[in-house]
Amino acid sequence: MSETIGLIGLGNMGQPIAANLMRAGYKLRVYNRTPGKDGSLVASGAVSVARSSETAEPRGIVLTMLTDDAGLENVCTQSASFVERLGPGGIHISLSTVSPAISRRMAEHHAKSGVAFVSAPVFGRPDAAAAARLWICVSGPEKAKNRVAPILKAIGQGTFDFGEDPGAANVVKLCGNFLIASAIEGLAEGFVFAEKNGVPASQLADMLGQTFFACTAYRNYSKIIAEKLYEPAGFRLVLGLKDMNLVLDAATSASVPMPLASLLRDRWLSSLAKGRGNLDWSGIALAAADDAGLNSPTQKKI
């Protein structure tokens, strides 16, 4: 594969995704707002560019892995953007966890330049990204999705198509993150309950992971919570709060009450207020321990 594609955003997920694309034979132009994150990629043959627009070739393909709605909108709408440089026949693949609304708005913006916008948010932590084991949700124009299918295959283990509505894949991604967040809170409360009754969390996690909670989300987060592996963060707690806010914003727009999502948002907000924003997002488990007195001076530390 000799095609040159662009990638904007070289954080915990962007870097391993870029590495897998290069292993698949793609040539890369890479850009990151904060310098210094492209060293290993450049050493492997990627071209580092000074401006995000320079990642694009006319009628080419650019991927973005950005933090939030504001970052996506800024890079797409700035003067002389990569979208304008792609031009008619170009494709932008957005891998980010963003709102359905921003994806729909960006699709309209891209159409003015003849560029197809494909939403392709991913499920998986950095280790899954490094192993090309991401699960990918995709929505957007059919012709564009067909063209980018080999690129998505190079970074993931499976792709699920949710039609042509550019916001649909983001709805699915937010649903998934809401359910994972619910699992994290449930595990946190269950493990604290077990520990205060003399049962080690690690033993409980081992049993649950081998029986009726034998799935990726529960197994991964059971281990993290039971062993308190909150640093280094695979997905920062502050970003978990961002996602819960996205869920609630989209739910409000659709007139969908989500009382559990409101509880989760407050759990993440409380954890952020306690200075835990750079821990892994599963670090909200510490809040359940706080509530049960396990982190107080007179109680056993958790």
Protein backbone atom coordinates (compact mmCIF):
# COMPACT_ATOMS: atom_id res chain seq x y z
CA MET A 1 0.00 0.00 0.00
CA SER A 2 1.73 3.20 -1.18
CA GLU A 3 -1.06 5.73 -0.59
CA THR A 4 -0.15 8.74 1.54
CA ILE A 5 -2.71 9.70 4.17
CA GLY A 6 -2.77 12.29 6.93
CA LEU A 7 -3.30 11.88 10.65
CA ILE A 8 -4.00 14.74 13.06
CA GLY A 9 -3.73 14.02 16.80
CA LEU A 10 -0.91 11.95 18.30
CA GLY A 11 -2.10 11.29 21.84
CA ASN A 12 -2.36 7.93 23.61
CA MET A 13 -4.57 6.59 20.82
CA GLY A 14 -3.28 8.49 17.79
CA GLN A 15 0.29 7.27 18.07
CA PRO A 16 -0.42 3.52 18.02
CA ILE A 17 -3.03 4.01 15.29
CA ALA A 18 -0.41 5.81 13.19
CA ALA A 19 2.11 3.03 13.81
CA ASN A 20 -0.36 0.39 12.64
CA LEU A 21 -1.17 2.34 9.49
CA MET A 22 2.52 2.47 8.66
CA ARG A 23 2.89 -1.24 9.33
CA ALA A 24 0.04 -1.79 6.85
CA GLY A 25 2.10 0.03 4.21
CA TYR A 26 0.56 3.50 4.25
CA LYS A 27 2.75 6.58 4.03
CA LEU A 28 1.84 9.15 6.67
CA ARG A 29 1.91 12.88 7.17
CA VAL A 30 1.33 13.56 10.87
CA TYR A 31 0.50 16.62 12.91
CA ASN A 32 0.02 17.22 16.62
CA ARG A 33 -0.80 20.54 18.27
CA THR A 34 1.75 19.86 21.03
CA PRO A 35 5.17 19.23 19.45
CA GLY A 36 7.44 16.35 20.32
CA LYS A 37 5.05 13.40 20.07
CA ASP A 38 6.02 12.28 16.58
CA GLY A 39 9.63 11.23 17.12
CA SER A 40 9.17 7.46 16.88
CA LEU A 41 6.82 7.82 13.92
CA VAL A 42 9.25 10.05 12.03
CA ALA A 43 12.02 7.55 12.77
CA SER A 44 9.83 4.91 11.12
CA GLY A 45 9.27 7.02 8.02
CA ALA A 46 6.34 9.35 8.77
CA VAL A 47 6.58 12.96 7.66
CA SER A 48 5.96 15.51 10.41
CA VAL A 49 4.28 18.70 9.21
CA ALA A 50 4.10 22.13 10.82
CA ARG A 51 0.42 22.83 10.12
CA SER A 52 -2.59 20.54 10.22
CA SER A 53 -3.54 21.55 6.67
CA GLU A 54 -0.28 20.04 5.40
CA THR A 55 -1.43 16.53 6.31
CA ALA A 56 -3.81 16.60 3.33
CA GLU A 57 -3.32 15.85 -0.35
CA PRO A 58 -5.96 16.88 -2.91
CA ARG A 59 -8.66 14.18 -3.11
CA GLY A 60 -6.83 12.34 -0.34
CA ILE A 61 -7.74 11.00 3.10
CA VAL A 62 -7.09 12.51 6.53
CA LEU A 63 -7.85 10.91 9.91
CA THR A 64 -8.33 12.90 13.10
CA MET A 65 -8.10 11.63 16.69
CA LEU A 66 -8.89 14.69 18.79
CA THR A 67 -10.01 15.33 22.34
CA ASP A 68 -13.37 17.00 21.97
CA ASP A 69 -15.91 18.88 19.84
CA ALA A 70 -14.02 22.16 20.07
CA GLY A 71 -10.77 20.59 18.86
CA LEU A 72 -12.50 18.95 15.92
CA GLU A 73 -14.36 22.07 14.89
CA ASN A 74 -11.28 24.25 15.18
CA VAL A 75 -9.06 22.08 13.01
CA CYS A 76 -11.79 21.71 10.37
CA THR A 77 -12.92 25.31 10.12
CA GLN A 78 -9.73 27.33 10.57
CA SER A 79 -8.53 29.42 7.65
CA ALA A 80 -6.91 27.32 4.89
CA SER A 81 -7.85 24.11 6.69
CA PHE A 82 -7.00 20.56 5.68
CA VAL A 83 -10.64 20.21 4.57
CA GLU A 84 -10.15 22.91 1.93
CA ARG A 85 -6.89 21.31 0.83
CA LEU A 86 -8.54 17.88 0.44
CA GLY A 87 -11.14 19.39 -1.88
CA PRO A 88 -13.61 17.48 -4.08
CA GLY A 89 -13.20 13.72 -3.68
CA GLY A 90 -11.37 14.00 -0.37
CA ILE A 91 -12.38 12.13 2.79
CA HIS A 92 -12.06 13.01 6.46
CA ILE A 93 -12.30 10.09 8.92
CA SER A 94 -13.11 11.32 12.44
CA LEU A 95 -12.01 8.73 15.01
CA SER A 96 -12.82 10.97 17.97
CA THR A 97 -15.46 10.58 20.66
CA VAL A 98 -17.52 13.68 19.94
CA SER A 99 -21.17 14.67 19.91
CA PRO A 100 -23.55 13.55 17.16
CA ALA A 101 -24.39 17.21 16.65
CA ILE A 102 -20.82 18.26 15.82
CA SER A 103 -20.44 15.39 13.35
CA ARG A 104 -23.61 16.40 11.53
CA ARG A 105 -22.49 20.02 11.48
CA MET A 106 -19.02 19.12 10.23
CA ALA A 107 -20.50 16.91 7.51
CA GLU A 108 -22.41 19.93 6.21
CA HIS A 109 -19.27 22.06 6.43
CA HIS A 110 -17.19 19.49 4.55
CA ALA A 111 -19.79 19.15 1.81
CA LYS A 112 -19.19 22.78 0.83
CA SER A 113 -15.67 21.72 -0.22
CA GLY A 114 -16.80 18.46 -1.79
CA VAL A 115 -15.26 16.44 1.06
CA ALA A 116 -16.95 13.38 2.58
CA PHE A 117 -17.08 13.23 6.38
CA VAL A 118 -16.98 9.72 7.86
CA SER A 119 -17.58 9.22 11.59
CA ALA A 120 -15.54 6.29 12.89
CA PRO A 121 -15.23 6.47 16.70
CA VAL A 122 -13.39 3.54 18.24
CA PHE A 123 -13.79 1.32 21.28
CA GLY A 124 -10.58 0.24 22.96
CA ARG A 125 -7.81 1.52 25.20
CA PRO A 126 -4.24 2.31 24.06
CA ASP A 127 -3.12 -1.32 24.39
CA ALA A 128 -5.93 -2.40 22.06
CA ALA A 129 -4.98 0.38 19.65
CA ALA A 130 -1.36 -0.82 19.65
CA ALA A 131 -2.50 -4.38 18.88
CA ALA A 132 -4.86 -3.17 16.10
CA ARG A 133 -7.73 -4.64 18.14
CA LEU A 134 -10.07 -1.66 18.17
CA TRP A 135 -13.79 -2.02 17.51
CA ILE A 136 -14.93 0.68 15.11
CA CYS A 137 -18.38 2.21 14.59
CA VAL A 138 -18.81 3.91 11.24
CA SER A 139 -21.40 6.11 9.57
CA GLY A 140 -21.36 8.44 6.59
CA PRO A 141 -21.59 8.35 2.77
CA GLU A 142 -21.53 4.80 1.40
CA LYS A 143 -18.95 5.46 -1.32
CA ALA A 144 -16.57 7.06 1.18
CA LYS A 145 -17.00 4.21 3.68
CA ASN A 146 -16.12 1.70 0.98
CA ARG A 147 -12.98 3.62 0.07
CA VAL A 148 -11.71 3.87 3.67
CA ALA A 149 -12.57 0.26 4.64
CA PRO A 150 -8.94 -0.96 4.18
CA ILE A 151 -7.67 1.84 6.43
CA LEU A 152 -10.10 0.91 9.20
CA LYS A 153 -9.22 -2.75 8.79
CA ALA A 154 -5.56 -1.87 9.41
CA ILE A 155 -6.30 -0.40 12.84
CA GLY A 156 -9.14 -2.55 14.16
CA GLN A 157 -10.53 -6.04 14.59
CA GLY A 158 -14.00 -5.23 13.31
CA THR A 159 -16.18 -2.46 11.91
CA PHE A 160 -19.92 -1.95 12.43
CA ASP A 161 -21.80 0.19 9.92
CA PHE A 162 -24.63 2.40 11.20
CA GLY A 163 -25.75 3.97 7.95
CA GLU A 164 -25.28 7.34 6.32
CA ASP A 165 -26.24 9.71 9.17
CA PRO A 166 -22.84 11.12 10.20
CA GLY A 167 -23.97 11.37 13.83
CA ALA A 168 -25.17 7.78 14.16
CA ALA A 169 -21.76 6.27 14.93
CA ASN A 170 -21.24 8.89 17.63
CA VAL A 171 -24.57 7.97 19.23
CA VAL A 172 -23.41 4.35 19.39
CA LYS A 173 -20.04 5.35 20.83
CA LEU A 174 -21.68 7.44 23.55
CA CYS A 175 -24.07 4.60 24.37
CA GLY A 176 -21.11 2.28 24.75
CA ASN A 177 -19.16 4.67 26.96
CA PHE A 178 -22.24 5.22 29.13
CA LEU A 179 -22.56 1.45 29.62
CA ILE A 180 -18.84 1.08 30.38
CA ALA A 181 -19.09 3.95 32.88
CA SER A 182 -22.06 2.21 34.50
CA ALA A 183 -19.99 -0.97 34.79
CA ILE A 184 -17.11 0.94 36.40
CA GLU A 185 -19.42 2.45 39.02
CA GLY A 186 -21.06 -0.92 39.68
CA LEU A 187 -17.69 -2.62 40.11
CA ALA A 188 -16.46 0.16 42.40
CA GLU A 189 -19.46 -0.12 44.70
CA GLY A 190 -19.39 -3.94 44.65
CA PHE A 191 -15.68 -4.14 45.46
CA VAL A 192 -16.00 -1.68 48.34
CA PHE A 193 -18.95 -3.68 49.68
CA ALA A 194 -16.86 -6.86 49.49
CA GLU A 195 -13.78 -5.34 51.13
CA LYS A 196 -15.73 -3.86 54.04
CA ASN A 197 -17.10 -7.33 54.63
CA GLY A 198 -13.68 -8.99 54.59
CA VAL A 199 -13.56 -10.28 51.00
CA PRO A 200 -10.51 -9.12 48.96
CA ALA A 201 -11.50 -7.30 45.79
CA SER A 202 -8.95 -9.30 43.79
CA GLN A 203 -10.66 -12.57 44.67
CA LEU A 204 -14.05 -11.20 43.76
CA ALA A 205 -12.70 -9.84 40.47
CA ASP A 206 -11.18 -13.23 39.62
CA MET A 207 -14.46 -15.06 40.21
CA LEU A 208 -16.63 -12.55 38.35
CA GLY A 209 -14.24 -12.46 35.39
CA GLN A 210 -14.46 -16.22 34.96
CA THR A 211 -18.21 -16.55 35.31
CA PHE A 212 -21.20 -14.34 34.51
CA PHE A 213 -19.15 -11.15 33.94
CA ALA A 214 -16.66 -12.78 31.56
CA CYS A 215 -16.45 -9.97 29.03
CA THR A 216 -13.80 -7.42 28.08
CA ALA A 217 -15.17 -4.40 29.93
CA TYR A 218 -15.71 -6.19 33.23
CA ARG A 219 -12.48 -8.16 33.07
CA ASN A 220 -10.32 -5.14 32.22
CA TYR A 221 -11.86 -2.78 34.74
CA SER A 222 -12.13 -5.41 37.47
CA LYS A 223 -8.36 -5.78 37.34
CA ILE A 224 -7.71 -2.04 37.24
CA ILE A 225 -10.03 -1.31 40.16
CA ALA A 226 -9.07 -4.31 42.29
CA GLU A 227 -5.35 -3.57 41.87
CA LYS A 228 -5.81 0.24 41.88
CA LEU A 229 -3.95 0.68 38.58
CA TYR A 230 -5.10 4.24 37.97
CA GLU A 231 -1.74 5.52 36.75
CA PRO A 232 -0.65 5.87 34.04
CA ALA A 233 -4.09 6.62 32.67
CA GLY A 234 -5.26 4.80 29.57
CA PHE A 235 -8.17 7.21 29.37
CA ARG A 236 -8.02 10.21 31.68
CA LEU A 237 -10.76 10.85 34.22
CA VAL A 238 -11.30 14.38 32.96
CA LEU A 239 -12.20 12.91 29.56
CA GLY A 240 -14.70 10.59 31.22
CA LEU A 241 -16.47 13.67 32.53
CA LYS A 242 -16.45 15.12 29.01
CA ASP A 243 -18.11 11.97 27.70
CA MET A 244 -20.80 11.93 30.40
CA ASN A 245 -21.60 15.53 29.53
CA LEU A 246 -21.86 14.56 25.84
CA VAL A 247 -24.25 11.75 26.73
CA LEU A 248 -26.47 14.05 28.77
CA ASP A 249 -26.40 16.83 26.17
CA ALA A 250 -27.49 14.43 23.44
CA ALA A 251 -30.11 12.89 25.73
CA THR A 252 -31.53 16.31 26.54
CA SER A 253 -31.72 17.18 22.84
CA ALA A 254 -33.69 13.98 22.22
CA SER A 255 -35.88 14.38 25.37
CA VAL A 256 -34.51 11.17 26.88
CA PRO A 257 -34.29 11.07 30.70
CA MET A 258 -31.09 9.28 31.82
CA PRO A 259 -30.99 9.40 35.63
CA LEU A 260 -28.06 6.98 35.84
CA ALA A 261 -26.03 9.12 33.45
CA SER A 262 -26.71 12.11 35.72
CA LEU A 263 -25.40 10.17 38.72
CA LEU A 264 -22.29 9.14 36.77
CA ARG A 265 -21.64 12.70 35.65
CA ASP A 266 -21.72 13.84 39.28
CA ARG A 267 -19.39 11.00 40.30
CA TRP A 268 -16.84 12.10 37.69
CA LEU A 269 -17.31 15.77 38.59
CA SER A 270 -16.71 15.02 42.28
CA SER A 271 -13.56 13.08 41.42
CA LEU A 272 -12.30 15.95 39.29
CA ALA A 273 -12.94 18.38 42.15
CA LYS A 274 -10.72 16.17 44.35
CA GLY A 275 -7.80 16.61 41.97
CA ARG A 276 -8.07 13.21 40.29
CA GLY A 277 -8.54 14.43 36.73
CA ASN A 278 -5.33 12.86 35.41
CA LEU A 279 -6.01 9.42 36.84
CA ASP A 280 -7.56 6.74 34.66
CA TRP A 281 -11.30 7.31 34.34
CA SER A 282 -11.88 4.18 36.42
CA GLY A 283 -10.34 6.21 39.28
CA ILE A 284 -13.89 7.19 40.21
CA ALA A 285 -13.75 3.92 42.18
CA LEU A 286 -11.87 5.94 44.80
CA ALA A 287 -15.04 7.96 45.32
CA ALA A 288 -16.96 4.82 46.29
CA ALA A 289 -14.19 4.05 48.78
CA ASP A 290 -14.38 7.63 50.09
CA ASP A 291 -18.12 7.26 50.69
CA ALA A 292 -17.58 4.02 52.60
CA GLY A 293 -14.89 5.53 54.82
CA LEU A 294 -12.11 3.38 53.40
CA ASN A 295 -9.94 6.40 52.63
CA SER A 296 -10.44 8.16 55.96
CA PRO A 297 -7.60 8.36 58.52
CA THR A 298 -9.39 5.97 60.90
CA GLN A 299 -10.16 3.35 58.28
CA LYS A 300 -8.12 0.90 56.23
CA LYS A 301 -6.79 2.53 53.04
CA ILE A 302 -8.03 1.21 49.71
